Protein backbone atom coordinates (compact mmCIF):
# COMPACT_ATOMS: atom_id res chain seq x y z
CA MET A 1 -38.56 -54.83 3.25
CA LYS A 2 -36.72 -56.82 0.61
CA LEU A 3 -37.09 -56.72 -3.13
CA VAL A 4 -37.58 -59.85 -5.16
CA PRO A 5 -34.13 -61.10 -6.22
CA SER A 6 -35.04 -61.39 -9.89
CA LEU A 7 -34.55 -58.31 -12.04
CA ASP A 8 -36.16 -59.72 -15.15
CA GLY A 9 -38.45 -57.28 -16.93
CA ASN A 10 -39.44 -53.81 -15.68
CA LEU A 11 -39.14 -54.10 -11.91
CA LEU A 12 -40.08 -50.44 -11.41
CA ALA A 13 -43.58 -51.19 -12.67
CA THR A 14 -44.26 -53.86 -10.04
CA PRO A 15 -46.33 -53.14 -6.90
CA LYS A 16 -43.56 -54.60 -4.75
CA PHE A 17 -41.05 -52.01 -5.95
CA LYS A 18 -43.51 -49.17 -5.42
CA ASP A 19 -44.16 -50.39 -1.87
CA TRP A 20 -40.43 -50.57 -1.25
CA LEU A 21 -39.93 -47.05 -2.59
CA THR A 22 -42.64 -45.77 -0.25
CA TYR A 23 -40.90 -47.54 2.62
CA VAL A 24 -37.57 -45.87 1.78
CA ASN A 25 -39.16 -42.41 1.59
CA ASP A 26 -40.99 -42.91 4.90
CA PHE A 27 -37.80 -44.13 6.56
CA ASN A 28 -35.88 -41.09 5.35
CA ARG A 29 -38.51 -38.72 6.74
CA LYS A 30 -38.50 -40.42 10.14
CA TYR A 31 -34.74 -40.84 10.39
CA PRO A 32 -33.11 -38.01 8.43
CA ARG A 33 -29.66 -38.65 9.92
CA ALA A 34 -29.69 -42.20 8.57
CA ALA A 35 -31.39 -41.26 5.31
CA LYS A 36 -30.11 -42.61 2.02
CA SER A 37 -31.47 -42.32 -1.49
CA ALA A 38 -33.48 -45.12 -3.04
CA ALA A 39 -30.62 -45.70 -5.49
CA SER A 40 -28.12 -45.96 -2.64
CA ALA A 41 -30.40 -48.32 -0.73
CA PHE A 42 -30.80 -50.46 -3.83
CA THR A 43 -27.07 -50.80 -4.44
CA SER A 44 -26.52 -51.49 -0.74
CA HIS A 45 -28.96 -54.39 -1.07
CA TYR A 46 -27.59 -55.84 -4.31
CA GLY A 47 -23.97 -54.78 -3.85
CA ASP A 48 -22.22 -51.47 -4.50
CA ASP A 49 -19.80 -53.17 -6.85
CA LEU A 50 -19.60 -53.91 -10.57
CA SER A 51 -22.09 -56.77 -10.36
CA GLY A 52 -24.62 -54.87 -8.26
CA ASN A 53 -24.42 -51.73 -10.37
CA ARG A 54 -24.82 -53.72 -13.57
CA ARG A 55 -27.97 -55.35 -12.18
CA PHE A 56 -29.30 -51.91 -11.32
CA SER A 57 -28.54 -50.72 -14.86
CA LEU A 58 -30.42 -53.69 -16.32
CA MET A 59 -33.44 -52.62 -14.33
CA LEU A 60 -33.17 -48.98 -15.35
CA ASN A 61 -32.68 -49.85 -19.02
CA ALA A 62 -35.94 -51.79 -18.93
CA ALA A 63 -37.72 -48.95 -17.12
CA VAL A 64 -36.47 -45.93 -19.06
CA GLY A 65 -38.13 -47.14 -22.26
CA ASN A 66 -41.55 -47.35 -20.60
CA GLU A 67 -43.53 -44.11 -20.40
CA ASN A 68 -45.04 -45.23 -17.09
CA THR A 69 -41.67 -45.68 -15.41
CA ASN A 70 -39.39 -43.39 -17.42
CA ALA A 71 -39.53 -40.49 -14.95
CA LEU A 72 -38.80 -42.73 -11.98
CA ALA A 73 -35.93 -44.42 -13.83
CA LEU A 74 -34.35 -41.05 -14.61
CA GLN A 75 -34.82 -39.97 -10.98
CA LEU A 76 -33.02 -43.09 -9.75
CA GLN A 77 -30.27 -42.56 -12.30
CA THR A 78 -29.82 -38.99 -11.06
CA GLU A 79 -29.50 -40.34 -7.51
CA ARG A 80 -26.84 -42.80 -8.66
CA TRP A 81 -25.04 -39.93 -10.33
CA ARG A 82 -24.93 -38.01 -7.05
CA ASP A 83 -23.55 -41.06 -5.25
CA TRP A 84 -20.84 -41.56 -7.91
CA THR A 85 -20.00 -37.86 -7.82
CA HIS A 86 -19.65 -37.96 -4.03
CA LYS A 87 -17.33 -40.99 -4.31
CA ASN A 88 -15.56 -39.49 -7.36
CA ILE A 89 -15.92 -42.73 -9.33
CA SER A 90 -13.87 -42.68 -12.55
CA PRO A 91 -15.69 -42.35 -15.91
CA PRO A 92 -14.50 -45.76 -17.22
CA LYS A 93 -15.85 -47.45 -14.09
CA VAL A 94 -19.19 -45.66 -14.46
CA PHE A 95 -19.15 -46.76 -18.12
CA ASP A 96 -19.03 -50.36 -16.91
CA PHE A 97 -21.68 -49.76 -14.26
CA LEU A 98 -24.05 -48.49 -16.97
CA LEU A 99 -23.48 -51.54 -19.20
CA LEU A 100 -22.22 -49.31 -22.00
CA ASN A 101 -19.32 -51.56 -23.04
CA SER A 102 -21.11 -53.08 -26.02
CA ASP A 103 -21.66 -52.53 -29.73
CA ASP A 104 -24.97 -50.83 -28.89
CA ALA A 105 -23.48 -48.28 -26.48
CA LEU A 106 -24.72 -45.30 -28.51
CA LYS A 107 -28.28 -46.65 -28.49
CA ASN A 108 -28.32 -46.92 -24.71
CA PRO A 109 -30.47 -44.11 -23.25
CA LEU A 110 -28.00 -43.79 -20.35
CA PHE A 111 -25.09 -42.95 -22.68
CA THR A 112 -25.87 -39.23 -22.58
CA PHE A 113 -25.81 -39.43 -18.78
CA TRP A 114 -22.30 -40.82 -19.00
CA LEU A 115 -21.10 -38.06 -21.34
CA LYS A 116 -22.30 -35.44 -18.88
CA TYR A 117 -20.70 -37.35 -16.01
CA LEU A 118 -17.37 -37.35 -17.88
CA ASP A 119 -17.51 -33.58 -18.35
CA GLU A 120 -18.36 -32.99 -14.70
CA PHE A 121 -15.66 -35.42 -13.53
CA ASN A 122 -13.10 -33.43 -15.50
CA ALA A 123 -14.37 -30.17 -14.02
CA ARG A 124 -13.99 -31.62 -10.50
CA ASN A 125 -10.59 -33.15 -11.19
CA PRO A 126 -8.57 -30.76 -13.37
CA ASP A 127 -5.34 -32.62 -12.56
CA TYR A 128 -6.83 -35.97 -13.55
CA ARG A 129 -8.83 -35.02 -16.61
CA MET A 130 -9.75 -37.79 -19.01
CA THR A 131 -10.15 -37.15 -22.72
CA LEU A 132 -13.26 -38.45 -24.41
CA THR A 133 -11.11 -40.73 -26.57
CA GLY A 134 -9.24 -42.08 -23.57
CA ALA A 135 -12.34 -42.71 -21.48
CA LEU A 136 -14.27 -44.32 -24.35
CA SER A 137 -11.38 -46.51 -25.48
CA ILE A 138 -10.96 -47.81 -21.92
CA GLY A 139 -14.69 -48.35 -21.56
CA LEU A 140 -15.06 -50.14 -24.89
CA GLY A 141 -11.79 -52.02 -24.56
CA SER A 142 -9.66 -50.42 -27.30
CA ASN A 143 -9.33 -47.57 -29.77
CA GLU A 144 -10.20 -50.03 -32.51
CA LYS A 145 -13.52 -50.84 -30.88
CA LEU A 146 -14.21 -47.14 -30.39
CA ALA A 147 -13.65 -46.51 -34.11
CA GLU A 148 -15.86 -49.47 -35.02
CA VAL A 149 -18.72 -48.33 -32.77
CA LEU A 150 -18.58 -44.75 -34.05
CA GLU A 151 -18.36 -45.76 -37.71
CA THR A 152 -21.32 -48.09 -37.31
CA GLY A 153 -23.22 -45.34 -35.52
CA LEU A 154 -22.53 -42.86 -38.32
CA SER A 155 -24.33 -45.17 -40.75
CA ALA A 156 -27.46 -45.61 -38.61
CA HIS A 157 -30.24 -43.02 -38.60
CA GLY A 158 -30.92 -43.31 -34.88
CA THR A 159 -27.31 -42.75 -33.82
CA LYS A 160 -25.93 -40.57 -36.61
CA ALA A 161 -26.23 -37.30 -34.67
CA ILE A 162 -24.50 -38.48 -31.48
CA SER A 163 -21.90 -40.38 -33.53
CA THR A 164 -21.09 -37.26 -35.54
CA THR A 165 -20.62 -35.23 -32.36
CA LEU A 166 -18.34 -37.87 -30.85
CA LYS A 167 -16.42 -38.32 -34.10
CA ASN A 168 -15.72 -34.60 -34.24
CA ARG A 169 -14.47 -34.60 -30.64
CA VAL A 170 -12.23 -37.61 -31.25
CA PHE A 171 -10.76 -36.08 -34.41
CA ALA A 172 -10.19 -32.77 -32.61
CA GLU A 173 -8.24 -34.61 -29.90
CA TRP A 174 -6.12 -36.41 -32.50
CA GLU A 175 -5.50 -33.14 -34.32
CA ALA A 176 -4.49 -31.42 -31.07
CA LYS A 177 -1.96 -34.20 -30.46
CA GLU A 178 -0.67 -33.76 -34.03
CA PHE A 179 -1.49 -37.34 -34.97
CA THR A 180 -0.86 -37.94 -38.66
CA PRO A 181 -2.97 -40.47 -40.56
CA ASP A 182 0.03 -42.81 -40.73
CA PHE A 183 0.46 -42.60 -36.95
CA VAL A 184 -3.24 -43.25 -36.35
CA PHE A 185 -3.19 -46.16 -38.81
CA GLU A 186 -0.28 -47.92 -37.12
CA ASN A 187 -0.31 -46.85 -33.47
CA VAL A 188 -3.86 -45.79 -32.58
CA LEU A 189 -6.13 -48.04 -34.62
CA ARG A 190 -3.45 -50.71 -35.06
CA LEU A 191 -4.45 -51.52 -38.62
CA LYS A 192 -0.89 -52.58 -39.40
CA LYS A 193 -0.31 -56.24 -38.57
CA GLY A 194 2.93 -56.96 -40.38
CA TYR A 195 4.40 -56.01 -43.75
CA TRP A 196 3.96 -59.50 -45.19
CA ASP A 197 0.70 -60.18 -43.40
CA PRO A 198 -1.95 -61.08 -46.01
CA ASN A 199 -4.75 -59.69 -43.84
CA VAL A 200 -4.90 -56.17 -45.20
CA PRO A 201 -8.00 -54.42 -43.80
CA GLY A 202 -10.79 -54.70 -46.36
CA LEU A 203 -12.56 -51.70 -47.84
CA SER A 204 -15.70 -52.56 -45.86
CA ASP A 205 -13.80 -52.66 -42.55
CA PRO A 206 -15.46 -50.03 -40.30
CA ILE A 207 -12.15 -49.25 -38.59
CA LEU A 208 -10.50 -48.52 -41.94
CA LYS A 209 -13.50 -46.41 -42.98
CA PHE A 210 -13.22 -44.40 -39.77
CA TRP A 211 -9.52 -43.89 -40.46
CA LEU A 212 -10.37 -42.65 -43.96
CA ARG A 213 -12.70 -40.04 -42.46
CA TYR A 214 -9.86 -38.72 -40.34
CA THR A 215 -7.47 -38.81 -43.31
CA HIS A 216 -9.83 -36.71 -45.43
CA GLU A 217 -10.12 -34.08 -42.68
CA PHE A 218 -6.37 -34.14 -42.04
CA ASN A 219 -5.60 -33.68 -45.75
CA HIS A 220 -7.98 -30.73 -45.91
CA ARG A 221 -6.19 -29.04 -42.98
CA HIS A 222 -2.66 -30.04 -43.98
CA PRO A 223 -2.50 -30.24 -47.80
CA ARG A 224 1.31 -30.28 -47.79
CA ASP A 225 1.35 -33.36 -45.57
CA SER A 226 -1.58 -35.13 -47.21
CA THR A 227 -1.60 -38.86 -47.77
CA THR A 228 -3.76 -41.40 -49.57
CA LEU A 229 -5.19 -44.78 -48.72
CA LEU A 230 -2.98 -46.49 -51.28
CA ASP A 231 0.21 -44.81 -50.06
CA THR A 232 -0.58 -45.77 -46.48
CA LEU A 233 -1.37 -49.35 -47.44
CA ARG A 234 1.87 -49.65 -49.43
CA ASN A 235 3.85 -48.24 -46.51
CA ASN A 236 2.46 -50.94 -44.25
CA PHE A 237 1.79 -53.95 -46.48
CA ALA A 238 3.38 -55.71 -49.42
CA ASP A 239 1.76 -55.15 -52.82
CA ALA A 240 0.90 -58.84 -53.02
CA SER A 241 -1.13 -58.52 -49.81
CA ILE A 242 -2.89 -55.43 -51.14
CA VAL A 243 -3.78 -57.34 -54.30
CA THR A 244 -5.34 -60.10 -52.19
CA MET A 245 -7.51 -57.50 -50.48
CA LEU A 246 -8.52 -55.96 -53.82
CA VAL A 247 -9.50 -59.33 -55.25
CA ASP A 248 -11.74 -59.96 -52.24
CA SER A 249 -13.19 -56.44 -52.28
CA LYS A 250 -14.15 -56.69 -55.95
CA THR A 251 -16.44 -59.61 -55.13
CA ASN A 252 -18.48 -57.41 -52.79
CA PRO A 253 -20.98 -55.13 -54.59
CA ALA A 254 -20.64 -52.57 -51.78
CA THR A 255 -16.89 -52.18 -52.30
CA GLU A 256 -16.42 -53.23 -55.94
CA ALA A 257 -16.25 -49.69 -57.34
CA SER A 258 -13.80 -48.52 -54.66
CA ALA A 259 -11.64 -51.58 -55.26
CA GLN A 260 -11.56 -50.92 -59.00
CA GLY A 261 -10.50 -47.33 -58.36
CA LEU A 262 -7.76 -48.42 -55.95
CA GLU A 263 -6.59 -50.99 -58.46
CA SER A 264 -6.21 -48.28 -61.12
CA LEU A 265 -4.14 -46.19 -58.72
CA LEU A 266 -1.94 -49.20 -57.97
CA PHE A 267 -1.39 -49.76 -61.70
CA THR A 268 -0.30 -46.13 -62.02
CA LYS A 269 2.22 -46.63 -59.22
CA TRP A 270 3.61 -49.70 -60.94
CA LEU A 271 3.93 -47.82 -64.22
CA ASP A 272 5.75 -44.98 -62.48
CA GLU A 273 8.11 -47.55 -60.96
CA ASN A 274 8.68 -49.09 -64.41
CA LEU A 275 7.41 -52.49 -63.36
CA SER A 276 6.76 -54.71 -66.37
CA PRO A 277 3.96 -57.29 -66.56
CA ARG A 278 6.60 -59.93 -65.86
CA ASP A 279 7.67 -58.02 -62.73
CA ILE A 280 4.16 -57.94 -61.29
CA THR A 281 3.28 -61.56 -62.09
CA ARG A 282 4.27 -62.67 -58.60
CA LEU A 283 2.38 -59.74 -57.06
CA VAL A 284 -0.97 -60.64 -58.61
CA TYR A 285 -0.76 -64.33 -57.73
CA ALA A 286 -3.94 -64.03 -55.63
CA ASP A 287 -5.95 -63.17 -58.76
CA LYS A 288 -6.50 -66.66 -60.13
CA SER A 289 -8.51 -65.30 -63.05
CA ASP A 290 -5.48 -63.35 -64.35
CA GLU A 291 -7.80 -60.39 -64.83
CA MET A 292 -5.41 -57.95 -63.14
CA LEU A 293 -2.38 -59.24 -65.02
CA ASN A 294 -4.18 -58.96 -68.36
CA LYS A 295 -5.45 -55.46 -67.59
CA TYR A 296 -2.04 -54.27 -66.51
CA THR A 297 -0.39 -55.85 -69.55
CA ARG A 298 -2.69 -53.93 -71.89
CA LEU A 299 -2.11 -50.71 -69.96
CA PHE A 300 1.67 -51.21 -69.94
CA GLN A 301 1.77 -51.84 -73.69
CA MET A 302 -0.31 -48.74 -74.32
CA LYS A 303 1.71 -46.45 -72.03
CA LYS A 304 5.15 -47.88 -72.79
CA PRO A 305 4.98 -49.25 -76.35
CA ASN A 306 8.74 -49.15 -76.82
CA VAL A 307 9.54 -51.22 -73.75
CA PRO A 308 9.90 -54.93 -74.57
């Protein structure tokens, strides 16, 4: 018996699929030596490869959200799990099979299956253990994408709990590897493009916001080695590029207050470095309104009245 080739909609709810499932169960009872699970039979039919497994996942995703087919979908997923366990399929490959490599990975009901599979894979393969960060970054394509997905998830009610759990595990792994915020900024999340690059990550950038979360926790644990956003930005970008970012961020109501605060900190740095208004003229070129130059000039004259 063959299934219809189309997997549009909830195939598990169709009479044809139910008839096919009955056929598989009857076959297994009659021929136990040749028995195979319904999930295994399905992938044999559509292909036990990336394409076939993705098609199966599309079907299960449609079925798991329906109360009439949820139990059957979870049963089939459990059967797939056993097959993958028997074949010792790697977690990143299973991640692809489950169609989790998207911005909505944390919303996928099969994501929790994958987390458990990762833990069991590591228990079976102690010499080939994969960290959560490593497996997720491979599955999603990069550490940057992982940070973006988790930061977005932390801001959404439906995914905040799972995102918090994952964030804590990721940060614990970075801490165990003694990753400093500067190292994470440059080498893990690759927020540094080039010292003179004008594309400084904006204050609304989810990757930068995720980095800030780690920085706050790192500073709490290591007060002697603490760092700040401004210090990190100045270590990696020219002041003129930072000013460009601040000008843009002040036009966004969501980041205006943070940008104003960062601007004040930058002014303090310039004062400490004895930079005159004339010195910073070229640095604030991006501010066509001259607002920053005028503000700094007033501050400089107030703090250093005896300097011409």
